[in-house]
Protein backbone atom coordinates (compact mmCIF):
# COMPACT_ATOMS: atom_id res chain seq x y z
CA MET A 1 86.20 80.56 143.52
CA ALA A 2 88.19 79.10 146.40
CA PHE A 3 90.76 76.37 146.04
CA GLY A 4 91.84 73.94 148.76
CA LEU A 5 95.48 73.88 149.79
CA ALA A 6 97.31 70.57 149.38
CA VAL A 7 99.43 69.70 152.38
CA GLY A 8 102.60 67.69 151.75
CA SER A 9 103.26 66.53 155.30
CA VAL A 10 101.30 65.33 158.29
CA ALA A 11 102.26 66.02 161.89
CA VAL A 12 101.87 63.03 164.19
CA GLY A 13 102.94 63.30 167.82
CA GLY A 14 105.13 66.32 167.01
CA VAL A 15 106.97 64.52 164.19
CA SER A 16 106.42 65.50 160.56
CA HIS A 17 106.15 62.74 157.95
CA ALA A 18 106.21 63.39 154.23
CA GLY A 19 103.11 62.26 152.37
CA PRO A 20 103.20 60.44 149.05
CA PRO A 21 104.44 62.48 146.11
CA PRO A 22 101.70 63.99 143.93
CA PRO A 23 100.83 61.75 140.97
CA CYS A 24 101.35 64.60 138.47
CA SER A 25 102.79 68.11 138.45
CA PHE A 26 101.33 71.15 136.72
CA THR A 27 102.50 74.66 135.77
CA LEU A 28 100.77 78.02 135.50
CA SER A 29 101.95 80.92 133.35
CA SER A 30 102.07 84.48 134.58
CA PRO A 31 99.47 86.84 133.05
CA GLN A 32 100.51 87.83 129.50
CA VAL A 33 99.13 90.17 126.84
CA VAL A 34 98.18 88.41 123.57
CA GLN A 35 96.23 89.10 120.41
CA SER A 36 93.21 86.81 120.03
CA SER A 37 90.74 87.16 117.15
CA GLY A 38 91.85 90.76 116.60
CA ALA A 39 91.36 91.80 120.24
CA THR A 40 94.02 92.53 122.85
CA MET A 41 93.55 90.09 125.72
CA VAL A 42 95.33 88.90 128.85
CA THR A 43 95.79 85.17 129.23
CA ALA A 44 97.12 82.59 131.67
CA VAL A 45 97.60 78.88 131.00
CA ALA A 46 97.58 75.94 133.42
CA GLU A 47 99.05 72.78 131.95
CA LEU A 48 100.51 69.40 132.72
CA ALA A 49 104.26 69.28 133.43
CA GLY A 50 104.51 65.50 133.90
CA CYS A 51 103.14 62.43 135.68
CA GLY A 52 104.60 59.50 137.56
CA PRO A 53 104.07 55.85 136.64
CA GLY A 54 100.43 54.79 136.56
CA ALA A 55 99.12 58.35 136.92
CA GLY A 56 97.50 60.74 134.51
CA PRO A 57 96.08 64.25 134.43
CA TYR A 58 92.40 64.60 135.31
CA SER A 59 91.75 68.34 134.95
CA THR A 60 93.35 71.78 135.02
CA VAL A 61 91.85 75.15 135.91
CA ALA A 62 93.29 78.59 135.13
CA CYS A 63 91.82 81.81 136.54
CA LEU A 64 92.53 85.51 135.97
CA GLN A 65 91.42 88.39 138.15
CA PRO A 66 91.92 91.99 137.03
CA ARG A 67 92.56 94.08 140.16
CA ASP A 68 90.38 97.11 139.52
CA THR A 69 87.07 98.43 140.85
CA ASP A 70 84.75 96.34 138.69
CA SER A 71 86.79 93.17 138.28
CA VAL A 72 85.38 89.67 138.10
CA THR A 73 87.50 86.53 138.25
CA GLN A 74 87.27 84.50 135.04
CA CYS A 75 88.22 80.80 134.97
CA ALA A 76 88.59 78.12 132.33
CA GLN A 77 88.74 74.35 132.88
CA ALA A 78 90.19 71.61 130.71
CA HIS A 79 90.18 67.83 131.10
CA GLY A 80 92.85 65.21 130.58
CA SER A 81 96.12 66.54 129.21
CA ASP A 82 94.53 69.59 127.54
CA PRO A 83 95.80 72.93 128.90
CA ALA A 84 93.31 75.32 130.52
CA ARG A 85 93.53 78.77 128.87
CA VAL A 86 91.67 81.73 130.31
CA PHE A 87 91.28 85.10 128.58
CA VAL A 88 90.11 88.49 129.86
CA THR A 89 89.96 91.86 128.12
CA TYR A 90 93.20 93.84 128.40
CA ARG A 91 93.09 97.20 130.18
CA HIS A 92 96.31 99.23 130.30
CA GLY A 93 97.90 99.67 133.73
CA VAL A 94 95.77 97.06 135.49
CA THR A 95 97.32 94.36 137.69
CA TYR A 96 96.18 90.85 136.76
CA ILE A 97 96.43 87.88 139.14
CA ALA A 98 96.63 84.33 137.79
CA THR A 99 95.71 81.32 139.93
CA GLY A 100 94.80 77.76 139.15
CA ARG A 101 94.99 74.11 140.04
CA GLY A 102 95.89 70.79 138.50
CA CYS A 103 94.21 67.53 139.47
CA ALA A 104 95.50 64.05 138.73
CA ALA A 105 94.31 60.45 139.00
CA TRP A 106 95.91 57.04 139.19
CA GLY A 107 94.89 54.70 136.34
CA GLY A 108 91.12 54.22 136.29
CA GLN A 109 90.56 55.74 139.74
CA PRO A 110 88.63 58.88 140.71
CA PRO A 111 90.76 62.04 140.85
CA ALA A 112 93.22 62.34 143.72
CA PRO A 113 91.66 64.33 146.59
CA ASP A 114 94.48 66.89 146.79
CA CYS A 115 94.86 69.00 143.67
CA GLN A 116 98.06 71.01 143.13
CA VAL A 117 97.39 74.69 143.83
CA LEU A 118 99.04 76.97 141.25
CA GLY A 119 99.98 80.61 141.73
CA PRO A 120 99.20 83.29 142.50
CA PHE A 121 101.27 85.13 139.90
CA SER A 122 100.63 88.81 139.26
CA ALA A 123 101.65 91.26 136.57
CA THR A 124 100.81 94.90 135.93
CA LEU A 125 100.29 95.17 132.19
C-alpha cells in the first residue's frame, strides 16, 4: 500500500511559502511485542494527538511489515478519533516496520486532501 507524501511548503518563483498548518496531528507507535488472546503478537498504533479549532479526525491507518522472506504488510484502519491498531504474529529476531497515516477534516467537510504520513519506525524484536 502506498501513501502520498504531504508537502508543507510550495515553491513559487524560487521563494518558499509555508502552507496552512494541518488541521490535526497524529502519532504512530514503534513496533512492540504484546500478548493478545493468549498469542504473542507485534502491534503498532496510529492515533490522534490533537486538532485545531473547527477540525476533527477523519481516519487513521497503521501498517506493519515483517522484514523476512515471506512477509506481507498488514494494515488496520479506524475512523473518527478511534486509534488504528494492527497486529501481526511475532517471530523472534525479525525486523518489523511500522508506517501509517492520519487524515483530518474541517467541520462537516470532506477529508483534507493531504493526510499526515507517519513513520517509518522499525524494531528488531
